[in-house]
Structures are given as C-alpha cells and as structure tokens.
C-alpha cells in the first residue's frame, strides 16, 4: 500500500524489504492482489467469476484490470475491518466505479455527494425545510427536518461516497471527524431542540 505511491521500482522494492524484515513474511503481489487465488486475505473470491463474466447487475461494462483489482482488494479489506477509506488517483482511474461495485457486491445502497467549494454542512447532515404537508401546516408547524445523505447512510447502515472531498471547505469536513473516530458517532445539533446522536453500523 505504501509502495503504491512510489514511481521507481527500486523504491518500491525497498519498502517491500522493510515490511518483509519486520513482519517476517515474503510479499508476493501476484498472490496478494489476485482475486482468483484462494488466500486468507481475499474477500472477493466468491465474487471474482461474476465480476470477470460481467454478471454483477449494472456492472457489465467493467473489466477488472490489474490496478482495478488491486483497488478492489484494498477497499474490500478496509470495509471488512470497518475502516474509513480515502481513495486518491487521477480522474477516470475507477475510484467511483470500484465503490459502486463493492456496494453492489455487499448488497448495500451507496449514498453519494459530489463535493465542491460551495458545499455546506447541510448538504451532508440535512436541514430544516418548509413543510409542504397541508395537515402539518394546519397544526401550526412551518418547518420540518429533512435528513441529508450522510444521516440517511448512518441510520440505515449504508455506504457513503464523498466525491472530490478535497474541494469542500475545511469547516465542513471537520463536521465528519466524529464519524472517522473508532466510535463512529454523529451528533446532530442542527435539528433544533435536543441534540441527536447516531452511531454508524
């Protein structure tokens, strides 16, 4: 994983040698990132045939290249250990497609937000919006809370994809810190009244 950001083969080999020295294991990338070989770190074994034959619904256009398979393995292991994932790479390298494929393989809905410089906290969390229900208006309420995609994902145990997250303002991203901690909690103070605390599943 560390060597994946290096450009020269000799630098990659140095990283591998350090890992092999301290973990007392030989690194074989052909085995490590091959979704067709039965090995103990592979979550995608039982899905590999379906991926290669284009049998995953809505994903028939995908052909898993070597780099794409490597990405799938990394994402799959992070999901297995319930770790947040940061994907970095050029446009068109398959980052979003890999997330869509993983969500389909795990049969979970993928919530999606395309971030930009004007993205606000309300785009993630939700906000109070004018009520359109006639009965509620007659009861004297003018506004109601609408959950944002992030809150919906936390409530329902869904996956959340924040595309182009580097473009969002730092103040907005700070709102996500609690979800990236081991407790995976989110406190909604914007709802009005008592704060609501949610825990991601």
C-alpha atoms as a PDB file:
ATOM      1  CA  UNK A   1       0.000   0.000   0.000  1.00  0.00           C
ATOM      2  CA  UNK A   2       2.813   2.408   0.885  1.00  0.00           C
ATOM      3  CA  UNK A   3       4.795   1.457  -2.189  1.00  0.00           C
ATOM      4  CA  UNK A   4       1.780   2.194  -4.387  1.00  0.00           C
ATOM      5  CA  UNK A   5       2.642   5.908  -4.227  1.00  0.00           C
ATOM      6  CA  UNK A   6       6.235   5.446  -5.395  1.00  0.00           C
ATOM      7  CA  UNK A   7       7.288   5.840  -9.026  1.00  0.00           C
ATOM      8  CA  UNK A   8      10.561   3.906  -9.212  1.00  0.00           C
ATOM      9  CA  UNK A   9      10.725   0.083  -8.916  1.00  0.00           C
ATOM     10  CA  UNK A  10      13.825   0.226  -6.705  1.00  0.00           C
ATOM     11  CA  UNK A  11      11.998   2.439  -4.174  1.00  0.00           C
ATOM     12  CA  UNK A  12       9.029   0.047  -4.164  1.00  0.00           C
ATOM     13  CA  UNK A  13      11.389  -2.851  -3.507  1.00  0.00           C
ATOM     14  CA  UNK A  14      12.993  -1.006  -0.567  1.00  0.00           C
ATOM     15  CA  UNK A  15       9.569  -0.548   1.051  1.00  0.00           C
ATOM     16  CA  UNK A  16       8.753  -4.220   0.477  1.00  0.00           C
ATOM     17  CA  UNK A  17      12.089  -5.281   2.016  1.00  0.00           C
ATOM     18  CA  UNK A  18      11.424  -3.208   5.150  1.00  0.00           C
ATOM     19  CA  UNK A  19       7.949  -4.742   5.531  1.00  0.00           C
ATOM     20  CA  UNK A  20       9.310  -8.253   4.962  1.00  0.00           C
ATOM     21  CA  UNK A  21      12.055  -7.697   7.522  1.00  0.00           C
ATOM     22  CA  UNK A  22       9.752  -6.530  10.313  1.00  0.00           C
ATOM     23  CA  UNK A  23       6.731  -8.755   9.605  1.00  0.00           C
ATOM     24  CA  UNK A  24       8.822 -11.832   8.755  1.00  0.00           C
ATOM     25  CA  UNK A  25       6.707 -12.550   5.675  1.00  0.00           C
ATOM     26  CA  UNK A  26       7.548 -12.648   1.973  1.00  0.00           C
ATOM     27  CA  UNK A  27       5.430 -10.233  -0.098  1.00  0.00           C
ATOM     28  CA  UNK A  28       4.129 -11.687  -3.358  1.00  0.00           C
ATOM     29  CA  UNK A  29       1.966  -9.081  -5.116  1.00  0.00           C
ATOM     30  CA  UNK A  30       0.709 -11.574  -7.694  1.00  0.00           C
ATOM     31  CA  UNK A  31      -0.836 -13.579  -4.873  1.00  0.00           C
ATOM     32  CA  UNK A  32      -1.770 -10.625  -2.695  1.00  0.00           C
ATOM     33  CA  UNK A  33      -3.861  -8.822  -5.303  1.00  0.00           C
ATOM     34  CA  UNK A  34      -5.218 -11.712  -7.367  1.00  0.00           C
ATOM     35  CA  UNK A  35      -8.973 -12.147  -6.818  1.00  0.00           C
ATOM     36  CA  UNK A  36      -8.878 -15.604  -8.417  1.00  0.00           C
ATOM     37  CA  UNK A  37      -6.446 -17.266  -6.000  1.00  0.00           C
ATOM     38  CA  UNK A  38      -7.694 -18.717  -2.689  1.00  0.00           C
ATOM     39  CA  UNK A  39      -5.814 -16.856   0.016  1.00  0.00           C
ATOM     40  CA  UNK A  40      -6.805 -15.830   3.551  1.00  0.00           C
ATOM     41  CA  UNK A  41      -6.960 -12.079   2.866  1.00  0.00           C
ATOM     42  CA  UNK A  42      -9.317 -12.279  -0.113  1.00  0.00           C
ATOM     43  CA  UNK A  43     -12.942 -11.225   0.444  1.00  0.00           C
ATOM     44  CA  UNK A  44     -13.736 -11.180  -3.273  1.00  0.00           C
ATOM     45  CA  UNK A  45     -13.030 -14.820  -4.131  1.00  0.00           C
ATOM     46  CA  UNK A  46     -16.676 -15.837  -4.392  1.00  0.00           C
ATOM     47  CA  UNK A  47     -17.401 -12.726  -6.479  1.00  0.00           C
ATOM     48  CA  UNK A  48     -14.460 -12.986  -8.894  1.00  0.00           C
ATOM     49  CA  UNK A  49     -16.222 -15.103 -11.523  1.00  0.00           C
ATOM     50  CA  UNK A  50     -19.242 -12.799 -11.529  1.00  0.00           C
ATOM     51  CA  UNK A  51     -17.008  -9.732 -11.977  1.00  0.00           C
ATOM     52  CA  UNK A  52     -14.970 -11.257 -14.798  1.00  0.00           C
ATOM     53  CA  UNK A  53     -18.065 -12.508 -16.643  1.00  0.00           C
ATOM     54  CA  UNK A  54     -19.925  -9.224 -16.231  1.00  0.00           C
ATOM     55  CA  UNK A  55     -22.704 -10.826 -14.190  1.00  0.00           C
ATOM     56  CA  UNK A  56     -22.946  -8.136 -11.488  1.00  0.00           C
ATOM     57  CA  UNK A  57     -26.177  -6.168 -12.180  1.00  0.00           C
ATOM     58  CA  UNK A  58     -25.425  -2.779 -13.704  1.00  0.00           C
ATOM     59  CA  UNK A  59     -21.695  -3.513 -13.865  1.00  0.00           C
ATOM     60  CA  UNK A  60     -21.438  -5.490 -17.111  1.00  0.00           C
ATOM     61  CA  UNK A  61     -19.253  -2.755 -18.664  1.00  0.00           C
ATOM     62  CA  UNK A  62     -16.425  -3.370 -16.182  1.00  0.00           C
ATOM     63  CA  UNK A  63     -13.288  -5.337 -16.956  1.00  0.00           C
ATOM     64  CA  UNK A  64     -11.119  -5.619 -13.831  1.00  0.00           C
ATOM     65  CA  UNK A  65      -7.600  -4.635 -14.851  1.00  0.00           C
ATOM     66  CA  UNK A  66      -4.651  -5.335 -12.549  1.00  0.00           C
ATOM     67  CA  UNK A  67      -4.767  -1.867 -10.949  1.00  0.00           C
ATOM     68  CA  UNK A  68      -8.562  -2.074 -10.588  1.00  0.00           C
ATOM     69  CA  UNK A  69      -8.309  -5.470  -8.886  1.00  0.00           C
ATOM     70  CA  UNK A  70      -5.692  -4.072  -6.529  1.00  0.00           C
ATOM     71  CA  UNK A  71      -8.054  -1.218  -5.637  1.00  0.00           C
ATOM     72  CA  UNK A  72     -10.926  -3.673  -5.057  1.00  0.00           C
ATOM     73  CA  UNK A  73      -8.798  -5.713  -2.666  1.00  0.00           C
ATOM     74  CA  UNK A  74      -7.797  -2.620  -0.671  1.00  0.00           C
ATOM     75  CA  UNK A  75     -11.392  -1.367  -0.444  1.00  0.00           C
ATOM     76  CA  UNK A  76     -12.717  -4.808   0.444  1.00  0.00           C
ATOM     77  CA  UNK A  77     -10.223  -5.218   3.297  1.00  0.00           C
ATOM     78  CA  UNK A  78     -10.986  -1.737   4.666  1.00  0.00           C
ATOM     79  CA  UNK A  79     -14.725  -2.495   4.571  1.00  0.00           C
ATOM     80  CA  UNK A  80     -14.095  -5.836   6.296  1.00  0.00           C
ATOM     81  CA  UNK A  81     -12.327  -4.085   9.190  1.00  0.00           C
ATOM     82  CA  UNK A  82     -14.856  -1.203   9.264  1.00  0.00           C
ATOM     83  CA  UNK A  83     -12.255   1.420   8.375  1.00  0.00           C
ATOM     84  CA  UNK A  84     -12.914   4.691   6.515  1.00  0.00           C
ATOM     85  CA  UNK A  85     -11.351   4.824   3.046  1.00  0.00           C
ATOM     86  CA  UNK A  86      -9.598   7.659   1.212  1.00  0.00           C
ATOM     87  CA  UNK A  87      -9.103   6.958  -2.492  1.00  0.00           C
ATOM     88  CA  UNK A  88      -6.574   9.133  -4.305  1.00  0.00           C
ATOM     89  CA  UNK A  89      -5.906   8.975  -8.026  1.00  0.00           C
ATOM     90  CA  UNK A  90      -6.397  10.652 -11.394  1.00  0.00           C
ATOM     91  CA  UNK A  91      -9.800  11.138 -12.997  1.00  0.00           C
ATOM     92  CA  UNK A  92     -11.002   8.020 -14.772  1.00  0.00           C
ATOM     93  CA  UNK A  93      -8.942   5.564 -12.720  1.00  0.00           C
ATOM     94  CA  UNK A  94     -12.047   3.741 -11.466  1.00  0.00           C
ATOM     95  CA  UNK A  95     -12.351   5.053  -7.881  1.00  0.00           C
ATOM     96  CA  UNK A  96     -16.101   5.750  -8.044  1.00  0.00           C
ATOM     97  CA  UNK A  97     -16.797   2.605 -10.083  1.00  0.00           C
ATOM     98  CA  UNK A  98     -14.947   0.480  -7.521  1.00  0.00           C
ATOM     99  CA  UNK A  99     -17.129   1.889  -4.735  1.00  0.00           C
ATOM    100  CA  UNK A 100     -20.279   1.225  -6.769  1.00  0.00           C
ATOM    101  CA  UNK A 101     -19.152  -2.340  -7.424  1.00  0.00           C
ATOM    102  CA  UNK A 102     -18.350  -3.020  -3.760  1.00  0.00           C
ATOM    103  CA  UNK A 103     -21.765  -1.684  -2.710  1.00  0.00           C
ATOM    104  CA  UNK A 104     -23.491  -3.988  -5.188  1.00  0.00           C
ATOM    105  CA  UNK A 105     -21.434  -6.992  -4.112  1.00  0.00           C
ATOM    106  CA  UNK A 106     -22.344  -6.329  -0.476  1.00  0.00           C
ATOM    107  CA  UNK A 107     -25.954  -5.503  -1.468  1.00  0.00           C
ATOM    108  CA  UNK A 108     -25.923  -2.126   0.247  1.00  0.00           C
ATOM    109  CA  UNK A 109     -27.157   1.210  -1.045  1.00  0.00           C
ATOM    110  CA  UNK A 110     -24.449   3.753  -1.876  1.00  0.00           C
ATOM    111  CA  UNK A 111     -25.247   7.328  -0.858  1.00  0.00           C
ATOM    112  CA  UNK A 112     -23.361   9.866  -2.980  1.00  0.00           C
ATOM    113  CA  UNK A 113     -22.354  13.522  -2.662  1.00  0.00           C
ATOM    114  CA  UNK A 114     -20.275  15.378  -5.238  1.00  0.00           C
ATOM    115  CA  UNK A 115     -18.368  17.982  -3.197  1.00  0.00           C
ATOM    116  CA  UNK A 116     -17.360  21.432  -4.430  1.00  0.00           C
ATOM    117  CA  UNK A 117     -16.138  24.704  -2.947  1.00  0.00           C
ATOM    118  CA  UNK A 118     -19.708  25.755  -2.069  1.00  0.00           C
ATOM    119  CA  UNK A 119     -20.646  22.507  -0.310  1.00  0.00           C
ATOM    120  CA  UNK A 120     -22.228  23.207   3.088  1.00  0.00           C
ATOM    121  CA  UNK A 121     -22.726  21.115   6.210  1.00  0.00           C
ATOM    122  CA  UNK A 122     -26.451  20.946   5.427  1.00  0.00           C
ATOM    123  CA  UNK A 123     -25.627  19.059   2.214  1.00  0.00           C
ATOM    124  CA  UNK A 124     -24.228  16.244   4.393  1.00  0.00           C
ATOM    125  CA  UNK A 125     -26.326  16.379   7.553  1.00  0.00           C
ATOM    126  CA  UNK A 126     -29.656  17.805   6.421  1.00  0.00           C
ATOM    127  CA  UNK A 127     -31.608  20.945   7.272  1.00  0.00           C
ATOM    128  CA  UNK A 128     -34.942  22.430   8.318  1.00  0.00           C
ATOM    129  CA  UNK A 129     -37.137  22.958   5.266  1.00  0.00           C
ATOM    130  CA  UNK A 130     -40.586  24.488   4.708  1.00  0.00           C
ATOM    131  CA  UNK A 131     -43.387  21.997   5.254  1.00  0.00           C
ATOM    132  CA  UNK A 132     -45.425  21.072   2.192  1.00  0.00           C
ATOM    133  CA  UNK A 133     -47.827  18.772   4.044  1.00  0.00           C
ATOM    134  CA  UNK A 134     -51.195  20.518   4.454  1.00  0.00           C
ATOM    135  CA  UNK A 135     -52.021  18.661   7.690  1.00  0.00           C
ATOM    136  CA  UNK A 136     -48.739  19.711   9.276  1.00  0.00           C
ATOM    137  CA  UNK A 137     -49.321  23.316   8.248  1.00  0.00           C
ATOM    138  CA  UNK A 138     -52.730  23.256   9.864  1.00  0.00           C
ATOM    139  CA  UNK A 139     -51.097  22.004  13.053  1.00  0.00           C
ATOM    140  CA  UNK A 140     -49.054  25.223  13.141  1.00  0.00           C
ATOM    141  CA  UNK A 141     -45.684  23.836  12.050  1.00  0.00           C
ATOM    142  CA  UNK A 142     -43.924  25.719   9.278  1.00  0.00           C
ATOM    143  CA  UNK A 143     -40.659  23.763   9.029  1.00  0.00           C
ATOM    144  CA  UNK A 144     -39.617  20.122   9.280  1.00  0.00           C
ATOM    145  CA  UNK A 145     -36.246  18.401   9.466  1.00  0.00           C
ATOM    146  CA  UNK A 146     -35.025  16.537   6.376  1.00  0.00           C
ATOM    147  CA  UNK A 147     -32.108  14.124   6.819  1.00  0.00           C
ATOM    148  CA  UNK A 148     -29.174  14.585   4.453  1.00  0.00           C
ATOM    149  CA  UNK A 149     -27.472  11.691   2.618  1.00  0.00           C
ATOM    150  CA  UNK A 150     -24.884  11.211   5.361  1.00  0.00           C
ATOM    151  CA  UNK A 151     -27.509  10.893   8.115  1.00  0.00           C
ATOM    152  CA  UNK A 152     -29.553   8.519   5.949  1.00  0.00           C
ATOM    153  CA  UNK A 153     -26.472   6.335   5.420  1.00  0.00           C
ATOM    154  CA  UNK A 154     -25.688   6.257   9.163  1.00  0.00           C
ATOM    155  CA  UNK A 155     -29.292   5.444  10.104  1.00  0.00           C
ATOM    156  CA  UNK A 156     -29.695   2.669   7.534  1.00  0.00           C
ATOM    157  CA  UNK A 157     -26.203   1.144   7.611  1.00  0.00           C
ATOM    158  CA  UNK A 158     -25.491   2.218   4.022  1.00  0.00           C
ATOM    159  CA  UNK A 159     -22.233   3.152   2.319  1.00  0.00           C
ATOM    160  CA  UNK A 160     -21.348   6.817   1.822  1.00  0.00           C
ATOM    161  CA  UNK A 161     -19.232   8.169  -1.044  1.00  0.00           C
ATOM    162  CA  UNK A 162     -17.952  11.753  -0.860  1.00  0.00           C
ATOM    163  CA  UNK A 163     -16.563  12.512  -4.308  1.00  0.00           C
ATOM    164  CA  UNK A 164     -13.979  15.300  -4.757  1.00  0.00           C
ATOM    165  CA  UNK A 165     -13.868  15.738  -0.968  1.00  0.00           C
ATOM    166  CA  UNK A 166     -10.696  17.834  -1.249  1.00  0.00           C
ATOM    167  CA  UNK A 167     -12.758  20.664  -2.778  1.00  0.00           C
ATOM    168  CA  UNK A 168     -15.002  21.057   0.285  1.00  0.00           C
ATOM    169  CA  UNK A 169     -14.236  23.721   2.881  1.00  0.00           C
ATOM    170  CA  UNK A 170     -12.240  22.625   5.945  1.00  0.00           C
ATOM    171  CA  UNK A 171     -15.007  23.793   8.284  1.00  0.00           C
ATOM    172  CA  UNK A 172     -17.436  21.459   6.520  1.00  0.00           C
ATOM    173  CA  UNK A 173     -15.047  18.487   6.662  1.00  0.00           C
ATOM    174  CA  UNK A 174     -14.484  18.991  10.396  1.00  0.00           C
ATOM    175  CA  UNK A 175     -18.120  18.004  10.855  1.00  0.00           C
ATOM    176  CA  UNK A 176     -17.170  14.488   9.704  1.00  0.00           C
ATOM    177  CA  UNK A 177     -14.379  13.967  12.260  1.00  0.00           C
ATOM    178  CA  UNK A 178     -16.532  12.124  14.803  1.00  0.00           C
ATOM    179  CA  UNK A 179     -17.563   9.578  12.177  1.00  0.00           C
ATOM    180  CA  UNK A 180     -13.934   8.836  11.366  1.00  0.00           C
ATOM    181  CA  UNK A 181     -13.107   8.085  15.015  1.00  0.00           C
ATOM    182  CA  UNK A 182     -13.401   4.493  16.322  1.00  0.00           C
ATOM    183  CA  UNK A 183     -16.762   5.299  17.966  1.00  0.00           C
ATOM    184  CA  UNK A 184     -18.278   6.208  14.553  1.00  0.00           C
ATOM    185  CA  UNK A 185     -20.766   8.638  16.114  1.00  0.00           C
ATOM    186  CA  UNK A 186     -22.523  11.687  14.687  1.00  0.00           C
ATOM    187  CA  UNK A 187     -24.235  14.333  16.811  1.00  0.00           C
ATOM    188  CA  UNK A 188     -26.930  16.348  15.031  1.00  0.00           C
ATOM    189  CA  UNK A 189     -27.250  19.694  16.815  1.00  0.00           C
ATOM    190  CA  UNK A 190     -28.723  21.489  13.809  1.00  0.00           C
ATOM    191  CA  UNK A 191     -32.065  19.729  14.166  1.00  0.00           C
ATOM    192  CA  UNK A 192     -33.329  22.056  16.877  1.00  0.00           C
ATOM    193  CA  UNK A 193     -34.321  21.064  20.410  1.00  0.00           C
ATOM    194  CA  UNK A 194     -32.317  18.229  21.951  1.00  0.00           C
ATOM    195  CA  UNK A 195     -29.260  17.025  20.023  1.00  0.00           C
ATOM    196  CA  UNK A 196     -29.493  13.612  18.395  1.00  0.00           C
ATOM    197  CA  UNK A 197     -26.528  11.222  18.453  1.00  0.00           C
ATOM    198  CA  UNK A 198     -26.280   8.465  15.838  1.00  0.00           C
ATOM    199  CA  UNK A 199     -23.789   5.607  15.617  1.00  0.00           C
ATOM    200  CA  UNK A 200     -22.757   4.160  12.272  1.00  0.00           C
ATOM    201  CA  UNK A 201     -23.238   0.415  11.872  1.00  0.00           C
END
